[in-house]
Amino acid sequence: MKVFPVGLWEPTTLHLIFIRFCGLKQSLGSFFVLKALGLRNVPIHESGITLKHEKLMTSLHIRLDLHPISEREYQHQCRFILEKEGALVLKDFFSESSVREVVQASSGREAEAFYANSTHNVYLTPVNQELPETHPFNRQVLSSKGLLADDQIPHNSPLRELYEAPSFREFLCSVLGIREIHPYADKLSSINIHFAQEGKELGWHFDNSSFAVTMLLQAPEAGGEFEYVPEVRDAETGEMGFDQVDQILSGKIPVQKLLFDPGDLVLFRGRNSIHRVTPTQGKITRMLVVFAFNDQPGIGLSESALKTFYGRTG
């Protein structure tokens, strides 16, 4: 029997949950097999490869010895943790070689990214002119980052191979409790690499989507920490949580930190949990990939949103 670790953040401490499964072995020759088949650089959705070949491809990138994503018991454990905590960290999900390949391909491309510095409220909505500037709904925070859009991610990138892998999407559906998962319909939003040089940050906010799937690629020297406070509002009922938001923005409420390292896959429910990324410190750029999905087909960002996030519409 093998032991498979899953990292998660508890309200007060970081725990490791150990789940036992039957032995699952990676194919040591998978890299050479895929090279021989000529499939290494072909997107899964276009290649028509078999499930066996797709498993070989994902085994290049996913630590299947730690994270048997096709095992129902493992999926159920991950879903239980996510539903209980609102956050799930899968330690060492992406192989070191794949992380290294992506970082090497992305380093030096910061100048190609679109950078935006913006102020916004935590609800990511326009201000309410009928409320004072000091009201929690109107209090402004700063966000600054650089983005490489989906059309700037190479077709043979390990990130794209992971994103398009049916087994990965099936795993996400099971853990998130949704029937289907789809890429964004526009050409910019599905896979994004975020660059945060020294001083860049993401201000406190709630997500508009019900879930986020991210993975740190390169950690900075210091800073760049993910902080959050769970269940501050209830978006479904319209309860905005003004009092708690005001205290959080004033630094009067203790916050939790979600700890993760390069290669860790993070699933986070941020629609009702307020969160931020603290300013990056030091000369090493923080790099993070966002895998964006929809639970309905054919949905893309509006032209105004594309212009805001990427500086262009296509």
Protein backbone atom coordinates (compact mmCIF):
# COMPACT_ATOMS: atom_id res chain seq x y z
CA MET A 1 0.00 0.00 0.00
CA LYS A 2 1.15 3.53 -0.76
CA VAL A 3 0.37 6.69 1.15
CA PHE A 4 -0.72 9.80 -0.76
CA PRO A 5 -0.50 13.22 0.95
CA VAL A 6 -3.00 16.01 0.36
CA GLY A 7 -2.24 19.43 1.82
CA LEU A 8 -4.99 21.74 3.04
CA TRP A 9 -5.41 24.79 5.20
CA GLU A 10 -7.40 24.37 8.38
CA PRO A 11 -8.77 27.46 10.19
CA THR A 12 -5.79 27.47 12.54
CA THR A 13 -3.10 25.20 11.10
CA LEU A 14 -1.91 23.35 8.01
CA HIS A 15 -2.74 19.66 8.04
CA LEU A 16 -1.67 16.79 5.88
CA ILE A 17 -4.36 14.25 5.14
CA PHE A 18 -3.02 10.85 4.25
CA ILE A 19 -5.17 8.68 2.05
CA ARG A 20 -4.41 5.04 1.30
CA PHE A 21 -4.86 3.62 -2.14
CA CYS A 22 -3.73 0.56 -4.03
CA GLY A 23 -0.32 0.96 -5.63
CA LEU A 24 -0.32 3.16 -8.69
CA LYS A 25 2.85 3.27 -10.78
CA GLN A 26 3.94 5.78 -13.35
CA SER A 27 5.32 4.53 -16.62
CA LEU A 28 9.04 5.29 -16.49
CA GLY A 29 9.24 5.22 -20.24
CA SER A 30 6.22 7.41 -20.90
CA PHE A 31 8.26 10.38 -22.07
CA PHE A 32 10.05 8.32 -24.70
CA VAL A 33 6.85 6.55 -25.75
CA LEU A 34 5.10 9.88 -26.33
CA LYS A 35 8.05 11.23 -28.26
CA ALA A 36 7.98 8.15 -30.47
CA LEU A 37 4.25 8.53 -31.02
CA GLY A 38 4.67 12.18 -31.95
CA LEU A 39 2.01 13.19 -29.42
CA ARG A 40 4.06 15.31 -27.02
CA ASN A 41 3.34 18.58 -28.81
CA VAL A 42 -0.24 17.92 -29.95
CA PRO A 43 -3.19 19.31 -27.93
CA ILE A 44 -5.30 16.47 -26.60
CA HIS A 45 -8.56 17.75 -28.03
CA GLU A 46 -7.08 17.71 -31.54
CA SER A 47 -4.91 14.60 -31.41
CA GLY A 48 -7.59 11.94 -31.03
CA ILE A 49 -5.29 9.97 -28.73
CA THR A 50 -6.59 7.08 -26.71
CA LEU A 51 -7.17 7.17 -22.97
CA LYS A 52 -4.02 5.11 -22.55
CA HIS A 53 -1.96 7.69 -24.39
CA GLU A 54 -3.66 10.53 -22.53
CA LYS A 55 -2.73 8.87 -19.24
CA LEU A 56 0.88 8.66 -20.38
CA MET A 57 0.80 12.34 -21.26
CA THR A 58 -0.67 13.43 -17.92
CA SER A 59 1.83 11.22 -16.10
CA LEU A 60 4.56 13.48 -17.47
CA HIS A 61 3.08 16.43 -15.62
CA ILE A 62 0.93 15.17 -12.74
CA ARG A 63 2.47 13.34 -9.80
CA LEU A 64 0.09 10.41 -10.14
CA ASP A 65 2.00 8.55 -7.45
CA LEU A 66 0.83 11.24 -5.02
CA HIS A 67 -2.43 12.28 -6.69
CA PRO A 68 -4.33 9.43 -8.40
CA ILE A 69 -6.89 11.80 -9.87
CA SER A 70 -8.95 9.07 -11.55
CA GLU A 71 -9.53 7.17 -8.28
CA ARG A 72 -13.06 7.77 -6.94
CA GLU A 73 -11.97 7.53 -3.31
CA TYR A 74 -9.33 10.19 -3.86
CA GLN A 75 -11.83 12.46 -5.63
CA HIS A 76 -14.30 12.08 -2.75
CA GLN A 77 -11.63 12.96 -0.18
CA CYS A 78 -10.66 16.08 -2.12
CA ARG A 79 -14.29 17.13 -2.49
CA PHE A 80 -14.92 16.63 1.23
CA ILE A 81 -11.97 18.87 2.13
CA LEU A 82 -12.93 21.58 -0.37
CA GLU A 83 -16.55 21.65 0.83
CA LYS A 84 -15.49 21.73 4.47
CA GLU A 85 -12.70 24.31 4.22
CA GLY A 86 -13.46 26.23 1.03
CA ALA A 87 -9.85 25.66 -0.02
CA LEU A 88 -7.82 22.67 -1.16
CA VAL A 89 -4.06 22.53 -1.69
CA LEU A 90 -2.71 19.47 -3.51
CA LYS A 91 0.98 19.41 -2.64
CA ASP A 92 3.48 18.61 -5.42
CA PHE A 93 0.68 18.07 -7.95
CA PHE A 94 2.73 19.23 -10.94
CA SER A 95 6.07 17.50 -11.51
CA GLU A 96 9.27 19.44 -10.84
CA SER A 97 10.38 18.98 -14.44
CA SER A 98 7.11 20.42 -15.79
CA VAL A 99 7.25 23.39 -13.41
CA ARG A 100 10.84 24.02 -14.45
CA GLU A 101 9.92 23.82 -18.14
CA VAL A 102 7.10 26.36 -17.75
CA VAL A 103 9.22 28.76 -15.68
CA GLN A 104 12.06 28.60 -18.19
CA ALA A 105 9.64 29.27 -21.05
CA SER A 106 7.97 32.17 -19.19
CA SER A 107 11.00 33.88 -17.70
CA GLY A 108 12.00 36.92 -19.71
CA ARG A 109 8.50 37.33 -21.15
CA GLU A 110 7.38 39.87 -18.55
CA ALA A 111 7.67 42.62 -21.16
CA GLU A 112 5.06 40.83 -23.31
CA ALA A 113 2.48 40.86 -20.51
CA PHE A 114 -0.27 43.43 -20.17
CA TYR A 115 0.07 45.39 -16.93
CA ALA A 116 -2.73 47.16 -15.15
CA ASN A 117 -2.84 49.14 -11.93
CA SER A 118 -6.38 49.67 -10.75
CA THR A 119 -8.35 50.69 -7.70
CA HIS A 120 -11.61 48.94 -6.96
CA ASN A 121 -13.95 47.99 -4.16
CA VAL A 122 -13.92 44.47 -2.73
CA TYR A 123 -17.08 43.58 -4.67
CA LEU A 124 -15.49 44.49 -8.02
CA THR A 125 -18.42 46.77 -8.84
CA PRO A 126 -18.77 50.52 -9.50
CA VAL A 127 -19.07 52.73 -6.43
CA ASN A 128 -22.48 53.67 -5.08
CA GLN A 129 -22.76 57.45 -5.29
CA GLU A 130 -25.50 57.43 -2.66
CA LEU A 131 -23.10 56.06 -0.04
CA PRO A 132 -20.16 57.92 1.54
CA GLU A 133 -16.60 57.18 0.39
CA THR A 134 -15.87 55.62 3.77
CA HIS A 135 -18.68 53.07 3.47
CA PRO A 136 -17.34 49.49 3.10
CA PHE A 137 -19.02 49.22 -0.29
CA ASN A 138 -17.06 52.21 -1.61
CA ARG A 139 -13.70 51.76 0.11
CA GLN A 140 -11.00 51.36 -2.53
CA VAL A 141 -8.06 48.93 -2.66
CA LEU A 142 -5.19 48.60 -5.16
CA SER A 143 -4.48 45.73 -7.53
CA SER A 144 -1.51 45.51 -9.88
CA LYS A 145 -0.30 42.61 -12.00
CA GLY A 146 0.89 41.57 -15.43
CA LEU A 147 -0.87 38.94 -17.53
CA LEU A 148 0.10 36.64 -20.35
CA ALA A 149 -3.17 35.71 -22.07
CA ASP A 150 -4.18 32.30 -23.36
CA ASP A 151 -3.13 33.08 -26.92
CA GLN A 152 0.39 33.80 -25.61
CA ILE A 153 0.74 30.36 -24.01
CA PRO A 154 2.58 27.93 -26.35
CA HIS A 155 0.51 25.12 -27.85
CA ASN A 156 3.00 22.55 -26.55
CA SER A 157 3.14 24.00 -23.03
CA PRO A 158 2.65 21.52 -20.16
CA LEU A 159 0.05 23.98 -18.87
CA ARG A 160 -2.07 23.53 -21.98
CA GLU A 161 -1.63 19.77 -21.97
CA LEU A 162 -2.84 19.69 -18.36
CA TYR A 163 -5.72 22.09 -19.03
CA GLU A 164 -6.99 20.04 -21.97
CA ALA A 165 -6.53 16.59 -20.41
CA PRO A 166 -9.93 14.86 -20.05
CA SER A 167 -8.82 13.12 -16.84
CA PHE A 168 -7.94 16.49 -15.26
CA ARG A 169 -11.30 17.99 -16.22
CA GLU A 170 -13.16 14.94 -14.94
CA PHE A 171 -11.26 15.24 -11.66
CA LEU A 172 -12.21 18.91 -11.32
CA CYS A 173 -15.87 18.15 -12.06
CA SER A 174 -15.93 15.49 -9.36
CA VAL A 175 -14.20 17.64 -6.74
CA LEU A 176 -16.21 20.78 -7.55
CA GLY A 177 -19.50 18.91 -7.72
CA ILE A 178 -20.42 20.05 -11.23
CA ARG A 179 -21.52 17.99 -14.22
CA GLU A 180 -19.51 19.72 -16.95
CA ILE A 181 -16.51 22.00 -17.27
CA HIS A 182 -15.63 24.07 -20.32
CA PRO A 183 -12.93 26.49 -21.51
CA TYR A 184 -13.77 30.15 -22.03
CA ALA A 185 -15.21 30.95 -25.45
CA ASP A 186 -12.89 33.93 -26.00
CA LYS A 187 -9.25 33.49 -27.01
CA LEU A 188 -7.65 35.18 -23.99
CA SER A 189 -9.13 33.92 -20.74
CA SER A 190 -8.69 30.15 -20.38
CA ILE A 191 -5.03 29.95 -19.31
CA ASN A 192 -3.29 33.02 -17.89
CA ILE A 193 0.15 33.47 -16.36
CA HIS A 194 0.31 36.23 -13.74
CA PHE A 195 3.55 38.15 -13.14
CA ALA A 196 3.99 40.08 -9.90
CA GLN A 197 7.28 41.93 -9.61
CA GLU A 198 8.36 43.73 -6.45
CA GLY A 199 5.56 45.85 -4.98
CA LYS A 200 2.76 44.32 -7.05
CA GLU A 201 -0.28 42.96 -5.22
CA LEU A 202 -3.92 41.94 -5.49
CA GLY A 203 -6.18 43.92 -3.20
CA TRP A 204 -8.95 42.45 -1.09
CA HIS A 205 -11.87 41.20 -3.19
CA PHE A 206 -14.54 38.57 -3.70
CA ASP A 207 -14.54 36.47 -6.86
CA ASN A 208 -17.44 36.63 -9.28
CA SER A 209 -17.02 32.93 -10.12
CA SER A 210 -17.82 30.10 -7.72
CA PHE A 211 -14.35 28.53 -7.90
CA ALA A 212 -10.76 29.23 -8.93
CA VAL A 213 -8.06 26.78 -10.03
CA THR A 214 -4.50 28.09 -9.74
CA MET A 215 -0.92 26.89 -9.41
CA LEU A 216 2.14 28.79 -8.23
CA LEU A 217 5.03 28.49 -10.67
CA GLN A 218 7.69 30.63 -8.99
CA ALA A 219 7.72 32.00 -5.45
CA PRO A 220 9.15 35.46 -4.68
CA GLU A 221 11.84 36.09 -2.08
CA ALA A 222 9.17 37.32 0.33
CA GLY A 223 5.61 38.61 0.30
CA GLY A 224 3.11 37.44 -2.29
CA GLU A 225 1.16 35.64 0.42
CA PHE A 226 -2.43 34.53 -0.12
CA GLU A 227 -4.60 35.79 2.74
CA TYR A 228 -8.32 35.21 3.19
CA VAL A 229 -11.27 35.31 5.55
CA PRO A 230 -13.92 32.66 4.83
CA GLU A 231 -17.65 33.19 4.47
CA VAL A 232 -17.75 36.97 4.87
CA ARG A 233 -20.76 37.46 2.60
CA ASP A 234 -23.57 35.42 1.05
CA ALA A 235 -23.79 36.30 -2.63
CA GLU A 236 -26.87 34.14 -3.15
CA THR A 237 -29.01 35.98 -0.59
CA GLY A 238 -27.44 39.41 -1.14
CA GLU A 239 -25.95 39.62 2.37
CA MET A 240 -22.90 41.83 1.73
CA GLY A 241 -21.12 41.51 5.08
CA PHE A 242 -20.40 45.24 5.35
CA ASP A 243 -19.40 45.24 9.03
CA GLN A 244 -16.89 42.43 8.63
CA VAL A 245 -15.52 43.89 5.38
CA ASP A 246 -14.95 47.21 7.13
CA GLN A 247 -13.03 45.53 9.94
CA ILE A 248 -10.92 43.49 7.51
CA LEU A 249 -9.97 46.57 5.49
CA SER A 250 -9.07 48.33 8.74
CA GLY A 251 -6.87 45.42 9.85
CA LYS A 252 -9.00 44.63 12.89
CA ILE A 253 -9.77 40.98 12.09
CA PRO A 254 -7.17 38.17 12.02
CA VAL A 255 -6.78 36.64 8.58
CA GLN A 256 -5.86 33.16 7.44
CA LYS A 257 -2.98 32.36 5.10
CA LEU A 258 -3.16 29.68 2.45
CA LEU A 259 0.29 28.14 2.17
CA PHE A 260 1.45 26.63 -1.11
CA ASP A 261 4.65 26.13 -3.09
CA PRO A 262 5.51 25.93 -6.79
CA GLY A 263 3.76 22.94 -8.33
CA ASP A 264 0.94 22.82 -5.77
CA LEU A 265 -2.55 22.86 -7.30
CA VAL A 266 -4.97 25.12 -5.43
CA LEU A 267 -8.77 25.02 -5.61
CA PHE A 268 -10.43 27.92 -3.85
CA ARG A 269 -14.02 29.06 -3.44
CA GLY A 270 -13.70 32.84 -3.34
CA ARG A 271 -17.19 34.04 -4.13
CA ASN A 272 -18.08 34.49 -0.45
CA SER A 273 -14.58 34.39 1.04
CA ILE A 274 -12.71 37.68 0.79
CA HIS A 275 -9.05 37.29 -0.17
CA ARG A 276 -5.96 39.11 -1.37
CA VAL A 277 -2.29 38.58 -2.33
CA THR A 278 0.15 40.73 -0.35
CA PRO A 279 2.80 42.85 -2.15
CA THR A 280 5.73 40.94 -3.63
CA GLN A 281 9.09 41.63 -2.01
CA GLY A 282 12.52 41.10 -3.56
CA LYS A 283 13.90 40.73 -7.07
CA ILE A 284 12.33 37.36 -7.92
CA THR A 285 9.06 37.69 -9.83
CA ARG A 286 6.09 35.78 -8.46
CA MET A 287 4.60 33.64 -11.25
CA LEU A 288 1.22 31.94 -11.01
CA VAL A 289 -1.00 30.24 -13.57
CA VAL A 290 -4.78 30.55 -13.50
CA PHE A 291 -6.80 27.78 -15.15
CA ALA A 292 -10.16 29.38 -15.93
CA PHE A 293 -13.20 27.21 -16.61
CA ASN A 294 -16.97 27.60 -16.93
CA ASP A 295 -19.66 25.10 -16.04
CA GLN A 296 -21.56 26.11 -19.19
CA PRO A 297 -20.28 26.02 -22.80
CA GLY A 298 -19.87 29.06 -25.03
CA ILE A 299 -19.26 31.62 -22.27
CA GLY A 300 -16.57 34.26 -22.69
CA LEU A 301 -15.66 37.57 -21.13
CA SER A 302 -17.34 40.70 -22.46
CA GLU A 303 -15.36 43.05 -24.68
CA SER A 304 -15.14 45.61 -21.88
CA ALA A 305 -13.81 42.99 -19.46
CA LEU A 306 -11.26 41.77 -22.01
CA LYS A 307 -10.11 45.35 -22.55
CA THR A 308 -9.74 45.85 -18.80
CA PHE A 309 -7.83 42.63 -18.10
CA TYR A 310 -5.76 42.27 -21.27
CA GLY A 311 -5.76 45.67 -22.96
CA ARG A 312 -7.31 44.13 -26.09
CA THR A 313 -10.27 42.05 -27.22
CA GLY A 314 -8.49 39.42 -29.26
